[in-house]
């Protein structure tokens, strides 16, 4: 019984990790700290803290979300979706919309 419970806990822990990643997050690192810690772009609520701005992944195109953030906070050092960093070319396109 003890072994079954331990294996169940391990299986739950391993299974929970992908589920959390599937929820998804956008994460942008602005070159300079934004003046507002909380703001909305279109219908996405952003929260900026400790040098990063985050929002729930809401199914919009990744480049569009990056551009909306750049318009609001200025040039971004990096932008990631679900933990995967945007490549340099896409980030350059994104920053073309920076304020």
Protein backbone atom coordinates (compact mmCIF):
# COMPACT_ATOMS: atom_id res chain seq x y z
CA UNK A 1 0.00 0.00 0.00
CA UNK A 2 2.78 2.39 0.92
CA UNK A 3 4.53 1.75 -2.43
CA UNK A 4 1.30 2.40 -4.32
CA UNK A 5 0.77 5.73 -2.58
CA UNK A 6 4.37 6.78 -3.27
CA UNK A 7 4.10 5.84 -6.94
CA UNK A 8 0.77 7.66 -7.18
CA UNK A 9 2.32 10.82 -5.77
CA UNK A 10 5.23 10.61 -8.22
CA UNK A 11 2.86 10.03 -11.14
CA UNK A 12 0.70 12.97 -10.03
CA UNK A 13 3.75 15.23 -9.72
CA UNK A 14 5.04 14.25 -13.14
CA UNK A 15 1.61 14.61 -14.68
CA UNK A 16 0.99 17.99 -13.08
CA UNK A 17 4.07 19.59 -14.62
CA UNK A 18 2.90 19.49 -18.28
CA UNK A 19 -0.57 20.61 -17.26
CA UNK A 20 0.87 23.72 -15.64
CA UNK A 21 3.01 24.47 -18.69
CA UNK A 22 -0.02 24.04 -20.96
CA UNK A 23 -1.80 26.90 -19.19
CA UNK A 24 0.87 29.13 -20.67
CA UNK A 25 2.30 32.52 -19.94
CA UNK A 26 3.73 35.39 -21.91
CA UNK A 27 6.85 36.90 -20.30
CA UNK A 28 8.60 40.01 -21.55
CA UNK A 29 11.68 41.71 -20.12
CA UNK A 30 11.51 45.46 -20.82
CA UNK A 31 14.76 47.39 -21.34
CA UNK A 32 13.50 49.95 -18.80
CA UNK A 33 11.01 49.50 -16.00
CA UNK A 34 7.46 50.41 -17.06
CA UNK A 35 5.70 53.29 -15.31
CA UNK A 36 2.65 51.13 -14.55
CA UNK A 37 2.90 47.75 -12.85
CA UNK A 38 -0.51 46.61 -14.12
CA UNK A 39 -2.13 47.42 -17.45
CA UNK A 40 -4.28 45.97 -20.22
CA UNK A 41 -3.44 45.57 -23.91
CA UNK A 42 -6.60 44.81 -25.88
CA UNK A 43 -8.15 42.24 -23.52
CA UNK A 44 -4.94 40.92 -21.89
CA UNK A 45 -4.05 41.90 -18.32
CA UNK A 46 -0.29 42.34 -17.77
CA UNK A 47 1.52 42.44 -14.43
CA UNK A 48 5.08 43.80 -14.20
CA UNK A 49 7.27 42.97 -11.23
CA UNK A 50 10.96 42.23 -10.61
CA UNK A 51 11.96 43.39 -14.09
CA UNK A 52 9.50 41.20 -16.02
CA UNK A 53 5.99 41.63 -17.39
CA UNK A 54 3.76 38.55 -17.48
CA UNK A 55 0.29 37.69 -18.74
CA UNK A 56 -1.75 34.57 -19.26
CA UNK A 57 -1.39 33.00 -22.70
CA UNK A 58 -4.75 33.76 -24.29
CA UNK A 59 -4.44 32.25 -27.75
CA UNK A 60 -3.39 35.40 -29.60
CA UNK A 61 -0.46 35.29 -32.01
CA UNK A 62 2.83 35.45 -30.11
CA UNK A 63 4.33 38.22 -32.26
CA UNK A 64 1.20 40.35 -31.86
CA UNK A 65 1.34 39.97 -28.07
CA UNK A 66 5.01 40.93 -28.07
CA UNK A 67 4.27 44.00 -30.21
CA UNK A 68 1.40 45.08 -27.95
CA UNK A 69 3.67 44.82 -24.92
CA UNK A 70 6.47 46.74 -26.68
CA UNK A 71 4.03 49.53 -27.61
CA UNK A 72 3.10 49.85 -23.94
CA UNK A 73 6.47 49.49 -22.16
CA UNK A 74 9.07 50.20 -24.84
CA UNK A 75 11.87 48.03 -26.20
CA UNK A 76 12.04 44.47 -24.88
CA UNK A 77 15.25 42.62 -24.02
CA UNK A 78 13.44 39.30 -24.45
CA UNK A 79 10.00 37.78 -24.90
CA UNK A 80 8.98 34.21 -24.13
CA UNK A 81 5.83 32.17 -24.62
CA UNK A 82 5.27 29.17 -22.37
CA UNK A 83 8.94 29.33 -21.38
CA UNK A 84 10.28 29.30 -24.96
CA UNK A 85 12.22 32.45 -25.89
CA UNK A 86 11.34 34.28 -29.08
CA UNK A 87 14.15 34.15 -31.65
CA UNK A 88 16.26 37.23 -32.44
CA UNK A 89 14.55 38.02 -35.78
CA UNK A 90 11.07 37.90 -34.27
CA UNK A 91 12.20 40.02 -31.31
CA UNK A 92 13.58 42.62 -33.73
CA UNK A 93 10.19 42.73 -35.52
CA UNK A 94 8.50 43.02 -32.15
CA UNK A 95 10.70 45.90 -31.04
CA UNK A 96 9.91 47.73 -34.27
CA UNK A 97 6.61 48.57 -32.56
CA UNK A 98 8.19 49.86 -29.33
CA UNK A 99 7.15 53.31 -28.13
